[in-house]
Amino acid sequence: MEARLARSSWNMDAGNIASIEDASGWTVIFEQGRAWLTLEGYSQDKLLNPGERFIIPGSGHLLIEADRASRIRLEPPPANVLSRVSAGLMSGTRQIARALVSATVYSAERMRCRPAR
């Protein structure tokens, strides 16, 4: 499953596993059932029950294994988080543009190059 949807809900049968990638800051909400969450880079799994929610940290890679029939909802981060990410990307783009503008470009005329005779 890709976590690129504005909002996503799905059902899982007991024993099913879902892999979610690139979802840092997204919220997993358990509407019914129970499931284990395994997070990339974390040594302990987390058990979530109905009504519980979990904000995905780090790299955003998460495995969900349903312990019983479950209904799960995935929601995007709040707009302020998305705007901070967007601002960070724009800042990086501006830095690259400044570096390109300030780069010295040498032309053959400026270097006083002449064709070989």
N, C-alpha and C. Protein backbone atom coordinates (compact mmCIF):
# COMPACT_ATOMS: atom_id res chain seq x y z
N MET A 1 0.84 -1.18 0.00
CA MET A 1 0.00 0.00 0.00
C MET A 1 0.88 1.23 0.00
N GLU A 2 0.52 2.22 -0.78
CA GLU A 2 1.26 3.46 -0.78
C GLU A 2 0.54 4.48 0.07
N ALA A 3 1.28 5.17 0.88
CA ALA A 3 0.72 6.19 1.76
C ALA A 3 0.73 7.54 1.08
N ARG A 4 0.25 7.63 -0.14
CA ARG A 4 0.24 8.88 -0.88
C ARG A 4 -1.18 9.38 -1.10
N LEU A 5 -2.14 8.73 -0.50
CA LEU A 5 -3.53 9.12 -0.65
C LEU A 5 -3.86 10.19 0.38
N ALA A 6 -4.86 11.00 0.10
CA ALA A 6 -5.26 12.03 1.05
C ALA A 6 -5.77 11.39 2.33
N ARG A 7 -6.47 10.29 2.21
CA ARG A 7 -7.00 9.56 3.34
C ARG A 7 -7.26 8.15 2.86
N SER A 8 -7.02 7.16 3.70
CA SER A 8 -7.19 5.79 3.27
C SER A 8 -7.66 4.93 4.43
N SER A 9 -8.65 4.08 4.19
CA SER A 9 -9.13 3.12 5.17
C SER A 9 -9.16 1.75 4.53
N TRP A 10 -8.90 0.75 5.31
CA TRP A 10 -8.99 -0.61 4.77
C TRP A 10 -9.19 -1.61 5.89
N ASN A 11 -9.66 -2.80 5.50
CA ASN A 11 -9.88 -3.91 6.42
C ASN A 11 -8.74 -4.90 6.27
N MET A 12 -8.37 -5.52 7.38
CA MET A 12 -7.34 -6.56 7.36
C MET A 12 -7.87 -7.78 8.10
N ASP A 13 -7.64 -8.96 7.54
CA ASP A 13 -7.97 -10.20 8.24
C ASP A 13 -6.83 -10.55 9.18
N ALA A 14 -7.13 -11.36 10.18
CA ALA A 14 -6.11 -11.80 11.13
C ALA A 14 -4.95 -12.45 10.39
N GLY A 15 -3.73 -12.06 10.74
CA GLY A 15 -2.54 -12.62 10.12
C GLY A 15 -2.06 -11.87 8.89
N ASN A 16 -2.88 -10.97 8.34
CA ASN A 16 -2.45 -10.19 7.18
C ASN A 16 -1.42 -9.14 7.59
N ILE A 17 -0.54 -8.81 6.65
CA ILE A 17 0.49 -7.80 6.89
C ILE A 17 0.42 -6.73 5.81
N ALA A 18 0.48 -5.48 6.23
CA ALA A 18 0.52 -4.35 5.30
C ALA A 18 1.84 -3.62 5.51
N SER A 19 2.48 -3.21 4.43
CA SER A 19 3.72 -2.45 4.49
C SER A 19 3.44 -1.03 4.00
N ILE A 20 3.81 -0.05 4.81
CA ILE A 20 3.60 1.35 4.46
C ILE A 20 4.97 2.02 4.42
N GLU A 21 5.25 2.74 3.35
CA GLU A 21 6.54 3.42 3.21
C GLU A 21 6.34 4.91 3.00
N ASP A 22 7.36 5.68 3.33
CA ASP A 22 7.36 7.14 3.12
C ASP A 22 6.15 7.80 3.76
N ALA A 23 5.82 7.42 5.00
CA ALA A 23 4.63 7.96 5.67
C ALA A 23 4.99 8.67 6.97
N SER A 24 6.19 9.19 7.07
CA SER A 24 6.59 9.89 8.29
C SER A 24 5.62 11.03 8.58
N GLY A 25 5.11 11.07 9.81
CA GLY A 25 4.17 12.10 10.21
C GLY A 25 2.71 11.73 10.00
N TRP A 26 2.44 10.67 9.24
CA TRP A 26 1.06 10.21 9.03
C TRP A 26 0.57 9.55 10.31
N THR A 27 -0.74 9.47 10.48
CA THR A 27 -1.34 8.87 11.67
C THR A 27 -2.08 7.59 11.29
N VAL A 28 -1.79 6.51 12.01
CA VAL A 28 -2.51 5.24 11.84
C VAL A 28 -3.55 5.20 12.95
N ILE A 29 -4.81 5.00 12.58
CA ILE A 29 -5.91 4.95 13.54
C ILE A 29 -6.58 3.58 13.44
N PHE A 30 -6.69 2.88 14.58
CA PHE A 30 -7.35 1.57 14.60
C PHE A 30 -8.80 1.77 14.98
N GLU A 31 -9.70 1.50 14.03
CA GLU A 31 -11.12 1.67 14.26
C GLU A 31 -11.73 0.43 14.93
N GLN A 32 -11.20 -0.74 14.58
CA GLN A 32 -11.63 -1.99 15.22
C GLN A 32 -10.54 -3.03 15.06
N GLY A 33 -10.58 -4.04 15.93
CA GLY A 33 -9.58 -5.10 15.86
C GLY A 33 -8.35 -4.76 16.69
N ARG A 34 -7.27 -5.42 16.37
CA ARG A 34 -6.00 -5.20 17.08
C ARG A 34 -4.87 -5.59 16.14
N ALA A 35 -3.76 -4.86 16.21
CA ALA A 35 -2.64 -5.14 15.30
C ALA A 35 -1.32 -4.71 15.92
N TRP A 36 -0.27 -5.36 15.46
CA TRP A 36 1.09 -5.03 15.86
C TRP A 36 1.70 -4.10 14.82
N LEU A 37 2.41 -3.09 15.29
CA LEU A 37 3.15 -2.19 14.42
C LEU A 37 4.63 -2.47 14.59
N THR A 38 5.33 -2.63 13.49
CA THR A 38 6.78 -2.80 13.49
C THR A 38 7.37 -1.62 12.72
N LEU A 39 8.21 -0.85 13.40
CA LEU A 39 8.78 0.36 12.81
C LEU A 39 10.24 0.14 12.45
N GLU A 40 10.62 0.60 11.28
CA GLU A 40 12.02 0.51 10.85
C GLU A 40 12.88 1.34 11.80
N GLY A 41 13.93 0.72 12.32
CA GLY A 41 14.86 1.42 13.19
C GLY A 41 14.50 1.38 14.67
N TYR A 42 13.40 0.73 15.04
CA TYR A 42 12.99 0.63 16.44
C TYR A 42 13.05 -0.83 16.87
N SER A 43 13.50 -1.08 18.08
CA SER A 43 13.71 -2.46 18.53
C SER A 43 12.45 -3.12 19.07
N GLN A 44 11.43 -2.35 19.44
CA GLN A 44 10.22 -2.95 20.01
C GLN A 44 9.02 -2.65 19.13
N ASP A 45 8.15 -3.66 19.02
CA ASP A 45 6.89 -3.49 18.30
C ASP A 45 5.88 -2.81 19.23
N LYS A 46 4.82 -2.30 18.64
CA LYS A 46 3.77 -1.64 19.41
C LYS A 46 2.44 -2.29 19.08
N LEU A 47 1.65 -2.60 20.10
CA LEU A 47 0.33 -3.20 19.93
C LEU A 47 -0.72 -2.10 20.04
N LEU A 48 -1.58 -2.00 19.02
CA LEU A 48 -2.64 -1.00 19.05
C LEU A 48 -4.00 -1.67 19.07
N ASN A 49 -4.89 -1.12 19.88
CA ASN A 49 -6.25 -1.61 20.05
C ASN A 49 -7.24 -0.61 19.46
N PRO A 50 -8.54 -0.97 19.39
CA PRO A 50 -9.53 -0.05 18.81
C PRO A 50 -9.51 1.31 19.49
N GLY A 51 -9.61 2.35 18.67
CA GLY A 51 -9.63 3.72 19.18
C GLY A 51 -8.25 4.33 19.37
N GLU A 52 -7.20 3.52 19.32
CA GLU A 52 -5.85 4.06 19.50
C GLU A 52 -5.31 4.57 18.18
N ARG A 53 -4.42 5.55 18.29
CA ARG A 53 -3.79 6.12 17.09
C ARG A 53 -2.30 6.20 17.34
N PHE A 54 -1.56 6.25 16.23
CA PHE A 54 -0.11 6.27 16.31
C PHE A 54 0.43 7.13 15.17
N ILE A 55 1.28 8.10 15.51
CA ILE A 55 1.91 8.94 14.50
C ILE A 55 3.22 8.28 14.08
N ILE A 56 3.37 8.05 12.79
CA ILE A 56 4.53 7.33 12.26
C ILE A 56 5.77 8.22 12.30
N PRO A 57 6.81 7.80 13.03
CA PRO A 57 8.03 8.61 13.14
C PRO A 57 9.09 8.20 12.12
N GLY A 58 10.23 8.85 12.21
CA GLY A 58 11.43 8.45 11.47
C GLY A 58 11.26 8.41 9.98
N SER A 59 11.73 7.32 9.38
CA SER A 59 11.73 7.18 7.92
C SER A 59 10.33 6.97 7.35
N GLY A 60 9.38 6.64 8.22
CA GLY A 60 8.03 6.43 7.75
C GLY A 60 7.76 5.04 7.21
N HIS A 61 8.68 4.09 7.46
CA HIS A 61 8.46 2.71 7.02
C HIS A 61 7.87 1.92 8.18
N LEU A 62 6.72 1.29 7.93
CA LEU A 62 5.96 0.65 8.98
C LEU A 62 5.34 -0.64 8.45
N LEU A 63 5.36 -1.69 9.27
CA LEU A 63 4.63 -2.92 8.97
C LEU A 63 3.49 -3.03 9.96
N ILE A 64 2.31 -3.39 9.47
CA ILE A 64 1.15 -3.61 10.33
C ILE A 64 0.74 -5.07 10.17
N GLU A 65 0.68 -5.80 11.29
CA GLU A 65 0.23 -7.19 11.26
C GLU A 65 -1.02 -7.31 12.11
N ALA A 66 -2.14 -7.66 11.48
CA ALA A 66 -3.42 -7.77 12.18
C ALA A 66 -3.41 -9.01 13.07
N ASP A 67 -3.75 -8.80 14.35
CA ASP A 67 -3.85 -9.89 15.32
C ASP A 67 -5.23 -10.55 15.22
N ARG A 68 -6.18 -9.77 14.77
CA ARG A 68 -7.56 -10.23 14.52
C ARG A 68 -8.12 -9.33 13.42
N ALA A 69 -9.31 -9.64 12.94
CA ALA A 69 -9.91 -8.81 11.89
C ALA A 69 -9.91 -7.35 12.35
N SER A 70 -9.41 -6.47 11.49
CA SER A 70 -9.22 -5.08 11.89
C SER A 70 -9.66 -4.11 10.80
N ARG A 71 -10.02 -2.92 11.23
CA ARG A 71 -10.28 -1.81 10.30
C ARG A 71 -9.32 -0.70 10.69
N ILE A 72 -8.54 -0.24 9.70
CA ILE A 72 -7.46 0.71 9.95
C ILE A 72 -7.64 1.91 9.04
N ARG A 73 -7.34 3.08 9.56
CA ARG A 73 -7.41 4.32 8.77
C ARG A 73 -6.05 5.00 8.83
N LEU A 74 -5.64 5.56 7.72
CA LEU A 74 -4.37 6.27 7.62
C LEU A 74 -4.69 7.71 7.22
N GLU A 75 -4.21 8.67 8.03
CA GLU A 75 -4.47 10.08 7.74
C GLU A 75 -3.17 10.84 7.56
N PRO A 76 -3.17 11.82 6.66
CA PRO A 76 -1.95 12.60 6.41
C PRO A 76 -1.63 13.51 7.58
N PRO A 77 -0.39 14.00 7.64
CA PRO A 77 -0.02 14.92 8.71
C PRO A 77 -0.82 16.22 8.59
N PRO A 78 -0.93 16.97 9.69
CA PRO A 78 -1.62 18.26 9.63
C PRO A 78 -0.96 19.18 8.61
N ALA A 79 -1.71 20.12 8.10
CA ALA A 79 -1.21 21.03 7.07
C ALA A 79 0.05 21.76 7.51
N ASN A 80 0.17 22.11 8.80
CA ASN A 80 1.37 22.84 9.24
C ASN A 80 2.62 21.99 9.09
N VAL A 81 2.52 20.68 9.25
CA VAL A 81 3.68 19.80 9.06
C VAL A 81 4.04 19.76 7.57
N LEU A 82 3.01 19.64 6.72
CA LEU A 82 3.25 19.61 5.28
C LEU A 82 3.86 20.92 4.81
N SER A 83 3.41 22.04 5.36
CA SER A 83 3.96 23.32 4.93
C SER A 83 5.42 23.47 5.37
N ARG A 84 5.77 22.90 6.55
CA ARG A 84 7.18 22.95 6.98
C ARG A 84 8.06 22.14 6.05
N VAL A 85 7.57 20.97 5.63
CA VAL A 85 8.33 20.14 4.70
C VAL A 85 8.50 20.88 3.38
N SER A 86 7.40 21.47 2.90
CA SER A 86 7.44 22.23 1.65
C SER A 86 8.41 23.41 1.77
N ALA A 87 8.38 24.11 2.90
CA ALA A 87 9.28 25.25 3.10
C ALA A 87 10.73 24.78 3.10
N GLY A 88 11.00 23.63 3.70
CA GLY A 88 12.37 23.09 3.70
C GLY A 88 12.84 22.77 2.30
N LEU A 89 11.95 22.20 1.50
CA LEU A 89 12.32 21.90 0.11
C LEU A 89 12.58 23.18 -0.68
N MET A 90 11.73 24.18 -0.48
CA MET A 90 11.91 25.45 -1.18
C MET A 90 13.21 26.12 -0.76
N SER A 91 13.53 26.05 0.52
CA SER A 91 14.77 26.64 1.00
C SER A 91 15.97 25.97 0.34
N GLY A 92 15.95 24.65 0.24
CA GLY A 92 17.03 23.92 -0.42
C GLY A 92 17.14 24.30 -1.89
N THR A 93 16.00 24.47 -2.54
CA THR A 93 15.99 24.87 -3.95
C THR A 93 16.59 26.27 -4.11
N ARG A 94 16.23 27.17 -3.19
CA ARG A 94 16.78 28.53 -3.25
C ARG A 94 18.30 28.51 -3.06
N GLN A 95 18.79 27.68 -2.16
CA GLN A 95 20.25 27.60 -1.94
C GLN A 95 20.95 27.12 -3.21
N ILE A 96 20.38 26.15 -3.87
CA ILE A 96 20.98 25.64 -5.12
C ILE A 96 20.96 26.74 -6.17
N ALA A 97 19.84 27.47 -6.29
CA ALA A 97 19.74 28.55 -7.28
C ALA A 97 20.78 29.63 -7.01
N ARG A 98 20.95 30.00 -5.72
CA ARG A 98 21.96 31.01 -5.37
C ARG A 98 23.35 30.55 -5.74
N ALA A 99 23.63 29.29 -5.50
CA ALA A 99 24.95 28.75 -5.82
C ALA A 99 25.19 28.79 -7.33
N LEU A 100 24.16 28.47 -8.09
CA LEU A 100 24.31 28.50 -9.55
C LEU A 100 24.50 29.93 -10.07
N VAL A 101 23.77 30.88 -9.50
CA VAL A 101 23.87 32.27 -9.94
C VAL A 101 25.23 32.84 -9.60
N SER A 102 25.76 32.48 -8.43
CA SER A 102 27.05 33.05 -8.02
C SER A 102 28.24 32.28 -8.61
N ALA A 103 27.97 31.19 -9.27
CA ALA A 103 29.07 30.41 -9.87
C ALA A 103 29.73 31.23 -10.98
N THR A 104 31.00 31.15 -11.04
CA THR A 104 31.74 31.85 -12.09
C THR A 104 31.77 31.00 -13.34
N VAL A 105 31.34 31.60 -14.41
CA VAL A 105 31.34 30.92 -15.70
C VAL A 105 32.38 31.61 -16.57
N TYR A 106 33.31 30.85 -17.08
CA TYR A 106 34.36 31.41 -17.93
C TYR A 106 34.07 31.10 -19.38
N SER A 107 34.02 32.13 -20.16
CA SER A 107 33.83 31.94 -21.59
C SER A 107 35.18 32.02 -22.27
N ALA A 108 35.23 31.56 -23.51
CA ALA A 108 36.49 31.61 -24.27
C ALA A 108 36.95 33.04 -24.44
N GLU A 109 36.01 33.98 -24.64
CA GLU A 109 36.39 35.38 -24.82
C GLU A 109 36.98 35.95 -23.53
N ARG A 110 36.37 35.61 -22.42
CA ARG A 110 36.84 36.15 -21.14
C ARG A 110 38.24 35.63 -20.80
N MET A 111 38.52 34.42 -21.22
CA MET A 111 39.82 33.83 -20.93
C MET A 111 40.83 34.20 -22.01
N ARG A 112 40.43 35.01 -22.97
CA ARG A 112 41.28 35.47 -24.06
C ARG A 112 41.83 34.29 -24.88
N CYS A 113 40.94 33.39 -25.15
CA CYS A 113 41.33 32.24 -25.97
C CYS A 113 41.16 32.60 -27.44
N ARG A 114 42.08 32.13 -28.23
CA ARG A 114 42.00 32.36 -29.68
C ARG A 114 42.09 31.01 -30.36
N PRO A 115 41.50 30.94 -31.53
CA PRO A 115 41.60 29.68 -32.27
C PRO A 115 43.06 29.40 -32.64
N ALA A 116 43.42 28.17 -32.64
CA ALA A 116 44.78 27.78 -33.02
C ALA A 116 44.95 27.97 -34.51
N ARG A 117 46.15 28.43 -34.93
CA ARG A 117 46.40 28.66 -36.37
C ARG A 117 47.15 27.54 -36.95
